[in-house]
């Protein structure tokens, strides 16, 4: 179970860091659904404070997931319970 969780969290964390990296070039970050209007996006030009807060949130979450997954794969952390 630790192997499965480690690989899953590694992929999710790397994905978040990739989205964060690509946001520097594109200038926007996705923030989830916006009802029938499509998805909610935070733009660097229109909402700079919101963009940098989301950038920080994506970066910290991605970094935490990558580090936790490496600890799982190396046996230094206990896998999350299934129940």
N, C-alpha and C. Protein backbone atom coordinates (compact mmCIF):
# COMPACT_ATOMS: atom_id res chain seq x y z
N UNK A 1 0.82 -1.19 0.00
CA UNK A 1 0.00 0.00 0.00
C UNK A 1 0.86 1.26 0.00
N UNK A 2 2.00 1.20 0.66
CA UNK A 2 2.89 2.36 0.70
C UNK A 2 3.43 2.68 -0.69
N UNK A 3 3.69 1.65 -1.49
CA UNK A 3 4.18 1.86 -2.84
C UNK A 3 3.12 2.56 -3.70
N UNK A 4 1.88 2.09 -3.62
CA UNK A 4 0.79 2.69 -4.39
C UNK A 4 0.58 4.14 -3.98
N UNK A 5 0.50 4.39 -2.67
CA UNK A 5 0.29 5.76 -2.20
C UNK A 5 1.47 6.66 -2.55
N UNK A 6 2.67 6.12 -2.45
CA UNK A 6 3.85 6.91 -2.78
C UNK A 6 3.88 7.34 -4.24
N UNK A 7 3.56 6.41 -5.13
CA UNK A 7 3.56 6.74 -6.56
C UNK A 7 2.41 7.70 -6.88
N UNK A 8 1.24 7.46 -6.30
CA UNK A 8 0.09 8.34 -6.54
C UNK A 8 0.38 9.76 -6.07
N UNK A 9 0.88 9.90 -4.85
CA UNK A 9 1.17 11.23 -4.32
C UNK A 9 2.32 11.90 -5.07
N UNK A 10 3.27 11.12 -5.55
CA UNK A 10 4.36 11.68 -6.34
C UNK A 10 3.82 12.26 -7.65
N UNK A 11 2.93 11.54 -8.31
CA UNK A 11 2.34 12.04 -9.56
C UNK A 11 1.48 13.28 -9.31
N UNK A 12 0.68 13.27 -8.25
CA UNK A 12 -0.16 14.42 -7.95
C UNK A 12 0.68 15.64 -7.58
N UNK A 13 1.70 15.45 -6.77
CA UNK A 13 2.57 16.56 -6.38
C UNK A 13 3.34 17.13 -7.56
N UNK A 14 3.87 16.25 -8.40
CA UNK A 14 4.59 16.71 -9.58
C UNK A 14 3.64 17.44 -10.53
N UNK A 15 2.41 16.98 -10.61
CA UNK A 15 1.41 17.65 -11.45
C UNK A 15 1.10 19.05 -10.95
N UNK A 16 0.96 19.20 -9.64
CA UNK A 16 0.72 20.53 -9.09
C UNK A 16 1.91 21.46 -9.33
N UNK A 17 3.11 20.94 -9.17
CA UNK A 17 4.29 21.77 -9.43
C UNK A 17 4.41 22.13 -10.91
N UNK A 18 3.98 21.23 -11.79
CA UNK A 18 4.00 21.51 -13.23
C UNK A 18 2.98 22.60 -13.57
N UNK A 19 1.79 22.53 -13.00
CA UNK A 19 0.79 23.57 -13.22
C UNK A 19 1.32 24.91 -12.71
N UNK A 20 1.97 24.89 -11.56
CA UNK A 20 2.54 26.10 -10.99
C UNK A 20 3.63 26.68 -11.90
N UNK A 21 4.48 25.83 -12.43
CA UNK A 21 5.55 26.28 -13.31
C UNK A 21 4.99 26.87 -14.61
N UNK A 22 3.99 26.20 -15.17
CA UNK A 22 3.40 26.68 -16.43
C UNK A 22 2.65 27.99 -16.24
N UNK A 23 2.17 28.25 -15.02
CA UNK A 23 1.44 29.49 -14.75
C UNK A 23 2.35 30.71 -14.88
N UNK A 24 3.63 30.53 -14.66
CA UNK A 24 4.55 31.67 -14.82
C UNK A 24 4.58 32.14 -16.27
N UNK A 25 4.44 31.22 -17.21
CA UNK A 25 4.45 31.59 -18.62
C UNK A 25 3.09 32.03 -19.15
N UNK A 26 2.04 31.33 -18.71
CA UNK A 26 0.71 31.63 -19.23
C UNK A 26 0.06 32.82 -18.52
N UNK A 27 0.36 33.03 -17.25
CA UNK A 27 -0.20 34.15 -16.52
C UNK A 27 -1.53 33.88 -15.86
N UNK A 28 -1.98 32.62 -15.79
CA UNK A 28 -3.23 32.30 -15.11
C UNK A 28 -3.13 30.93 -14.46
N UNK A 29 -3.96 30.74 -13.42
CA UNK A 29 -4.04 29.46 -12.71
C UNK A 29 -5.49 29.02 -12.64
N UNK A 30 -5.76 27.74 -12.85
CA UNK A 30 -7.14 27.25 -12.68
C UNK A 30 -7.47 27.13 -11.19
N UNK A 31 -8.73 27.43 -10.86
CA UNK A 31 -9.14 27.38 -9.45
C UNK A 31 -10.36 26.51 -9.23
N UNK A 32 -10.78 25.75 -10.21
CA UNK A 32 -11.93 24.87 -10.03
C UNK A 32 -13.10 25.29 -10.91
N UNK A 33 -14.23 24.62 -10.73
CA UNK A 33 -15.39 24.90 -11.57
C UNK A 33 -16.06 26.23 -11.20
N UNK A 34 -16.72 26.80 -12.19
CA UNK A 34 -17.44 28.07 -12.00
C UNK A 34 -18.88 27.89 -12.47
N UNK A 35 -19.49 26.79 -12.09
CA UNK A 35 -20.87 26.53 -12.48
C UNK A 35 -20.98 26.28 -13.97
N UNK A 36 -21.96 26.91 -14.61
CA UNK A 36 -22.18 26.73 -16.04
C UNK A 36 -21.28 27.62 -16.89
N UNK A 37 -20.48 28.47 -16.26
CA UNK A 37 -19.61 29.39 -16.98
C UNK A 37 -18.28 28.77 -17.36
N UNK A 38 -18.04 27.54 -17.02
CA UNK A 38 -16.75 26.90 -17.29
C UNK A 38 -15.94 26.79 -16.02
N UNK A 39 -14.66 27.09 -16.11
CA UNK A 39 -13.81 26.99 -14.92
C UNK A 39 -13.42 28.38 -14.43
N UNK A 40 -13.11 28.45 -13.16
CA UNK A 40 -12.67 29.69 -12.55
C UNK A 40 -11.16 29.80 -12.71
N UNK A 41 -10.72 30.92 -13.24
CA UNK A 41 -9.29 31.15 -13.46
C UNK A 41 -8.88 32.44 -12.76
N UNK A 42 -7.69 32.43 -12.19
CA UNK A 42 -7.12 33.63 -11.58
C UNK A 42 -6.00 34.10 -12.48
N UNK A 43 -6.13 35.33 -12.96
CA UNK A 43 -5.17 35.89 -13.91
C UNK A 43 -4.17 36.79 -13.19
N UNK A 44 -2.93 36.74 -13.66
CA UNK A 44 -1.89 37.57 -13.07
C UNK A 44 -2.13 39.05 -13.37
N UNK A 45 -2.71 39.35 -14.52
CA UNK A 45 -2.96 40.74 -14.91
C UNK A 45 -4.15 41.34 -14.18
N UNK A 46 -5.24 40.58 -14.06
CA UNK A 46 -6.48 41.11 -13.49
C UNK A 46 -6.53 41.00 -11.98
N UNK A 47 -6.00 39.91 -11.41
CA UNK A 47 -6.04 39.67 -9.97
C UNK A 47 -4.66 39.24 -9.47
N UNK A 48 -3.72 40.17 -9.37
CA UNK A 48 -2.36 39.77 -9.00
C UNK A 48 -2.24 39.17 -7.60
N UNK A 49 -2.98 39.70 -6.63
CA UNK A 49 -2.90 39.15 -5.28
C UNK A 49 -3.44 37.73 -5.23
N UNK A 50 -4.59 37.52 -5.85
CA UNK A 50 -5.18 36.17 -5.90
C UNK A 50 -4.29 35.19 -6.64
N UNK A 51 -3.66 35.67 -7.74
CA UNK A 51 -2.77 34.81 -8.51
C UNK A 51 -1.60 34.34 -7.66
N UNK A 52 -0.94 35.27 -6.96
CA UNK A 52 0.24 34.89 -6.18
C UNK A 52 -0.13 34.06 -4.96
N UNK A 53 -1.32 34.28 -4.39
CA UNK A 53 -1.77 33.42 -3.29
C UNK A 53 -2.02 32.00 -3.79
N UNK A 54 -2.68 31.87 -4.94
CA UNK A 54 -2.91 30.54 -5.51
C UNK A 54 -1.59 29.90 -5.95
N UNK A 55 -0.69 30.71 -6.48
CA UNK A 55 0.63 30.21 -6.87
C UNK A 55 1.35 29.62 -5.66
N UNK A 56 1.30 30.33 -4.54
CA UNK A 56 1.92 29.85 -3.31
C UNK A 56 1.24 28.59 -2.81
N UNK A 57 -0.08 28.56 -2.86
CA UNK A 57 -0.84 27.40 -2.41
C UNK A 57 -0.52 26.17 -3.26
N UNK A 58 -0.52 26.33 -4.58
CA UNK A 58 -0.18 25.21 -5.48
C UNK A 58 1.24 24.74 -5.21
N UNK A 59 2.18 25.67 -5.05
CA UNK A 59 3.57 25.30 -4.83
C UNK A 59 3.79 24.57 -3.52
N UNK A 60 3.19 25.07 -2.45
CA UNK A 60 3.35 24.41 -1.15
C UNK A 60 2.69 23.04 -1.13
N UNK A 61 1.50 22.93 -1.71
CA UNK A 61 0.82 21.63 -1.75
C UNK A 61 1.61 20.63 -2.59
N UNK A 62 2.11 21.06 -3.73
CA UNK A 62 2.90 20.17 -4.58
C UNK A 62 4.19 19.74 -3.92
N UNK A 63 4.87 20.67 -3.26
CA UNK A 63 6.11 20.33 -2.57
C UNK A 63 5.85 19.37 -1.42
N UNK A 64 4.77 19.61 -0.65
CA UNK A 64 4.45 18.72 0.46
C UNK A 64 4.13 17.32 -0.05
N UNK A 65 3.36 17.21 -1.14
CA UNK A 65 3.01 15.90 -1.67
C UNK A 65 4.25 15.16 -2.17
N UNK A 66 5.13 15.86 -2.85
CA UNK A 66 6.35 15.21 -3.35
C UNK A 66 7.22 14.72 -2.19
N UNK A 67 7.41 15.56 -1.18
CA UNK A 67 8.23 15.15 -0.04
C UNK A 67 7.60 14.00 0.73
N UNK A 68 6.28 14.05 0.93
CA UNK A 68 5.60 12.98 1.64
C UNK A 68 5.67 11.68 0.84
N UNK A 69 5.53 11.77 -0.48
CA UNK A 69 5.61 10.55 -1.29
C UNK A 69 7.00 9.95 -1.26
N UNK A 70 8.02 10.78 -1.25
CA UNK A 70 9.39 10.25 -1.16
C UNK A 70 9.62 9.58 0.19
N UNK A 71 9.06 10.15 1.26
CA UNK A 71 9.17 9.51 2.57
C UNK A 71 8.44 8.17 2.58
N UNK A 72 7.28 8.10 1.93
CA UNK A 72 6.55 6.84 1.84
C UNK A 72 7.36 5.79 1.08
N UNK A 73 7.92 6.20 -0.05
CA UNK A 73 8.67 5.26 -0.88
C UNK A 73 9.96 4.79 -0.21
N UNK A 74 10.55 5.64 0.64
CA UNK A 74 11.77 5.27 1.35
C UNK A 74 11.50 4.56 2.67
N UNK A 75 10.22 4.45 3.05
CA UNK A 75 9.87 3.76 4.28
C UNK A 75 10.00 4.59 5.54
N UNK A 76 10.12 5.89 5.41
CA UNK A 76 10.28 6.75 6.57
C UNK A 76 8.96 7.29 7.08
N UNK A 77 7.88 7.11 6.33
CA UNK A 77 6.55 7.55 6.75
C UNK A 77 5.59 6.38 6.67
N UNK A 78 4.57 6.42 7.50
CA UNK A 78 3.57 5.36 7.52
C UNK A 78 2.47 5.68 6.49
N UNK A 79 2.01 4.69 5.72
CA UNK A 79 0.96 4.96 4.74
C UNK A 79 -0.34 5.38 5.43
N UNK A 80 -1.16 6.11 4.69
CA UNK A 80 -2.44 6.55 5.22
C UNK A 80 -3.37 5.35 5.38
N UNK A 81 -4.20 5.34 6.44
CA UNK A 81 -5.09 4.20 6.64
C UNK A 81 -6.20 4.14 5.57
N UNK A 82 -6.67 2.93 5.29
CA UNK A 82 -7.70 2.74 4.28
C UNK A 82 -9.11 2.87 4.84
N UNK A 83 -9.29 2.71 6.13
CA UNK A 83 -10.64 2.69 6.69
C UNK A 83 -11.22 4.03 6.89
